[in-house]
Amino acid sequence: ILLIVAKKVGGGLATIGLAGAGVGIGIVFGAFLIAYSRNSQLRNELFSYTLLGFALTEAIALFALMMAFLILF
């Protein structure tokens, strides 16, 4: 029974990375809005950088979620 409890606690702790990824995504899009408001002529270039930052941040979230599922199952 201790192993089951340890797996559930470990899986819960592994999902802490998802909160960090949520904050990171908010920072990426917030920085995009600030940069776009300062120089709207660079919209396409800024948006491509924003999508790259979003994809990398989301990859970290998926790795954290994958680790949580590996621990639980």
N, C-alpha and C. Protein backbone atom coordinates (compact mmCIF):
# COMPACT_ATOMS: atom_id res chain seq x y z
N ILE A 1 0.83 -1.21 0.00
CA ILE A 1 0.00 0.00 0.00
C ILE A 1 0.87 1.27 0.00
N LEU A 2 2.05 1.18 0.59
CA LEU A 2 2.94 2.34 0.61
C LEU A 2 3.42 2.69 -0.80
N LEU A 3 3.61 1.66 -1.63
CA LEU A 3 4.05 1.91 -3.00
C LEU A 3 2.98 2.64 -3.80
N ILE A 4 1.72 2.32 -3.58
CA ILE A 4 0.63 2.99 -4.29
C ILE A 4 0.56 4.46 -3.89
N VAL A 5 0.70 4.72 -2.60
CA VAL A 5 0.67 6.11 -2.12
C VAL A 5 1.87 6.88 -2.65
N ALA A 6 3.04 6.25 -2.67
CA ALA A 6 4.24 6.92 -3.17
C ALA A 6 4.12 7.24 -4.66
N LYS A 7 3.49 6.34 -5.42
CA LYS A 7 3.30 6.61 -6.85
C LYS A 7 2.36 7.79 -7.07
N LYS A 8 1.31 7.86 -6.28
CA LYS A 8 0.37 8.97 -6.44
C LYS A 8 0.99 10.30 -6.02
N VAL A 9 1.76 10.30 -4.95
CA VAL A 9 2.44 11.53 -4.53
C VAL A 9 3.48 11.94 -5.57
N GLY A 10 4.23 10.98 -6.10
CA GLY A 10 5.22 11.28 -7.12
C GLY A 10 4.59 11.81 -8.40
N GLY A 11 3.46 11.22 -8.78
CA GLY A 11 2.76 11.72 -9.97
C GLY A 11 2.25 13.13 -9.77
N GLY A 12 1.75 13.42 -8.57
CA GLY A 12 1.30 14.78 -8.27
C GLY A 12 2.43 15.78 -8.28
N LEU A 13 3.57 15.38 -7.72
CA LEU A 13 4.72 16.28 -7.71
C LEU A 13 5.29 16.51 -9.12
N ALA A 14 5.13 15.52 -9.99
CA ALA A 14 5.63 15.67 -11.35
C ALA A 14 4.81 16.66 -12.16
N THR A 15 3.58 16.94 -11.72
CA THR A 15 2.75 17.88 -12.46
C THR A 15 3.02 19.33 -12.06
N ILE A 16 3.92 19.57 -11.13
CA ILE A 16 4.26 20.95 -10.76
C ILE A 16 4.84 21.70 -11.96
N GLY A 17 5.52 20.99 -12.83
CA GLY A 17 6.07 21.61 -14.03
C GLY A 17 5.02 22.21 -14.94
N LEU A 18 3.78 21.73 -14.85
CA LEU A 18 2.71 22.28 -15.68
C LEU A 18 2.37 23.70 -15.27
N ALA A 19 2.45 23.99 -13.99
CA ALA A 19 2.20 25.37 -13.53
C ALA A 19 3.27 26.31 -14.06
N GLY A 20 4.51 25.86 -14.04
CA GLY A 20 5.59 26.67 -14.59
C GLY A 20 5.44 26.91 -16.08
N ALA A 21 4.97 25.90 -16.78
CA ALA A 21 4.75 26.07 -18.22
C ALA A 21 3.62 27.06 -18.49
N GLY A 22 2.59 27.04 -17.67
CA GLY A 22 1.51 28.01 -17.82
C GLY A 22 1.99 29.43 -17.62
N VAL A 23 2.83 29.62 -16.63
CA VAL A 23 3.41 30.95 -16.40
C VAL A 23 4.30 31.35 -17.57
N GLY A 24 5.07 30.41 -18.07
CA GLY A 24 5.95 30.69 -19.21
C GLY A 24 5.19 31.09 -20.46
N ILE A 25 4.07 30.43 -20.72
CA ILE A 25 3.26 30.77 -21.89
C ILE A 25 2.68 32.17 -21.72
N GLY A 26 2.25 32.49 -20.52
CA GLY A 26 1.75 33.84 -20.27
C GLY A 26 2.81 34.90 -20.48
N ILE A 27 4.02 34.61 -20.07
CA ILE A 27 5.12 35.57 -20.26
C ILE A 27 5.43 35.74 -21.75
N VAL A 28 5.41 34.63 -22.50
CA VAL A 28 5.72 34.70 -23.93
C VAL A 28 4.70 35.59 -24.65
N PHE A 29 3.41 35.36 -24.42
CA PHE A 29 2.41 36.14 -25.12
C PHE A 29 2.32 37.57 -24.58
N GLY A 30 2.61 37.77 -23.30
CA GLY A 30 2.66 39.13 -22.76
C GLY A 30 3.79 39.93 -23.39
N ALA A 31 4.93 39.29 -23.56
CA ALA A 31 6.05 39.97 -24.21
C ALA A 31 5.74 40.28 -25.67
N PHE A 32 4.99 39.37 -26.32
CA PHE A 32 4.59 39.64 -27.71
C PHE A 32 3.70 40.87 -27.78
N LEU A 33 2.75 40.99 -26.88
CA LEU A 33 1.86 42.16 -26.90
C LEU A 33 2.62 43.45 -26.65
N ILE A 34 3.57 43.42 -25.75
CA ILE A 34 4.36 44.62 -25.46
C ILE A 34 5.22 44.98 -26.68
N ALA A 35 5.86 43.98 -27.28
CA ALA A 35 6.71 44.26 -28.45
C ALA A 35 5.88 44.73 -29.64
N TYR A 36 4.69 44.16 -29.81
CA TYR A 36 3.82 44.57 -30.92
C TYR A 36 3.32 45.99 -30.72
N SER A 37 3.03 46.35 -29.48
CA SER A 37 2.56 47.72 -29.24
C SER A 37 3.68 48.74 -29.43
N ARG A 38 4.90 48.33 -29.27
CA ARG A 38 6.02 49.26 -29.47
C ARG A 38 6.38 49.41 -30.94
N ASN A 39 6.30 48.33 -31.69
CA ASN A 39 6.67 48.38 -33.11
C ASN A 39 5.76 47.44 -33.88
N SER A 40 4.68 47.96 -34.41
CA SER A 40 3.68 47.12 -35.07
C SER A 40 4.10 46.70 -36.48
N GLN A 41 5.17 47.27 -37.01
CA GLN A 41 5.61 46.90 -38.35
C GLN A 41 6.28 45.52 -38.38
N LEU A 42 6.74 45.06 -37.24
CA LEU A 42 7.42 43.76 -37.17
C LEU A 42 6.48 42.64 -36.75
N ARG A 43 5.20 42.77 -37.07
CA ARG A 43 4.20 41.82 -36.57
C ARG A 43 4.50 40.38 -36.95
N ASN A 44 4.80 40.12 -38.21
CA ASN A 44 5.02 38.75 -38.67
C ASN A 44 6.25 38.12 -38.03
N GLU A 45 7.32 38.88 -37.94
CA GLU A 45 8.55 38.35 -37.33
C GLU A 45 8.35 38.10 -35.84
N LEU A 46 7.68 39.05 -35.17
CA LEU A 46 7.43 38.87 -33.74
C LEU A 46 6.51 37.68 -33.49
N PHE A 47 5.52 37.50 -34.34
CA PHE A 47 4.59 36.40 -34.15
C PHE A 47 5.27 35.06 -34.37
N SER A 48 6.21 34.99 -35.31
CA SER A 48 6.93 33.72 -35.52
C SER A 48 7.80 33.40 -34.32
N TYR A 49 8.43 34.41 -33.73
CA TYR A 49 9.20 34.18 -32.51
C TYR A 49 8.29 33.77 -31.36
N THR A 50 7.11 34.35 -31.31
CA THR A 50 6.16 34.00 -30.25
C THR A 50 5.72 32.55 -30.38
N LEU A 51 5.44 32.11 -31.60
CA LEU A 51 5.04 30.71 -31.78
C LEU A 51 6.18 29.75 -31.44
N LEU A 52 7.40 30.14 -31.74
CA LEU A 52 8.54 29.30 -31.37
C LEU A 52 8.66 29.20 -29.85
N GLY A 53 8.54 30.33 -29.16
CA GLY A 53 8.59 30.31 -27.70
C GLY A 53 7.46 29.52 -27.10
N PHE A 54 6.25 29.63 -27.69
CA PHE A 54 5.11 28.86 -27.21
C PHE A 54 5.36 27.37 -27.38
N ALA A 55 5.89 26.98 -28.54
CA ALA A 55 6.11 25.56 -28.80
C ALA A 55 7.15 24.97 -27.85
N LEU A 56 8.21 25.71 -27.59
CA LEU A 56 9.24 25.21 -26.68
C LEU A 56 8.72 25.12 -25.25
N THR A 57 7.94 26.10 -24.84
CA THR A 57 7.38 26.07 -23.49
C THR A 57 6.36 24.95 -23.35
N GLU A 58 5.56 24.75 -24.38
CA GLU A 58 4.57 23.68 -24.34
C GLU A 58 5.25 22.31 -24.35
N ALA A 59 6.40 22.19 -25.00
CA ALA A 59 7.13 20.93 -24.99
C ALA A 59 7.57 20.57 -23.57
N ILE A 60 7.99 21.57 -22.80
CA ILE A 60 8.36 21.31 -21.41
C ILE A 60 7.16 20.82 -20.63
N ALA A 61 5.99 21.39 -20.88
CA ALA A 61 4.77 20.95 -20.19
C ALA A 61 4.43 19.51 -20.58
N LEU A 62 4.59 19.18 -21.84
CA LEU A 62 4.30 17.81 -22.25
C LEU A 62 5.28 16.81 -21.66
N PHE A 63 6.54 17.21 -21.50
CA PHE A 63 7.51 16.33 -20.85
C PHE A 63 7.14 16.11 -19.38
N ALA A 64 6.70 17.15 -18.69
CA ALA A 64 6.29 17.01 -17.31
C ALA A 64 5.06 16.11 -17.19
N LEU A 65 4.11 16.28 -18.10
CA LEU A 65 2.92 15.44 -18.08
C LEU A 65 3.26 13.98 -18.40
N MET A 66 4.19 13.79 -19.33
CA MET A 66 4.62 12.44 -19.66
C MET A 66 5.29 11.76 -18.47
N MET A 67 6.10 12.50 -17.74
CA MET A 67 6.75 11.93 -16.56
C MET A 67 5.72 11.58 -15.49
N ALA A 68 4.71 12.41 -15.34
CA ALA A 68 3.66 12.11 -14.36
C ALA A 68 2.94 10.82 -14.73
N PHE A 69 2.62 10.64 -16.01
CA PHE A 69 1.94 9.42 -16.43
C PHE A 69 2.85 8.20 -16.32
N LEU A 70 4.15 8.38 -16.58
CA LEU A 70 5.07 7.26 -16.43
C LEU A 70 5.18 6.82 -14.97
N ILE A 71 5.14 7.79 -14.07
CA ILE A 71 5.20 7.46 -12.64
C ILE A 71 3.92 6.75 -12.20
N LEU A 72 2.78 7.26 -12.66
CA LEU A 72 1.51 6.68 -12.21
C LEU A 72 1.21 5.32 -12.82
N PHE A 73 1.53 5.14 -14.09
CA PHE A 73 1.19 3.88 -14.75
C PHE A 73 2.44 3.15 -15.14
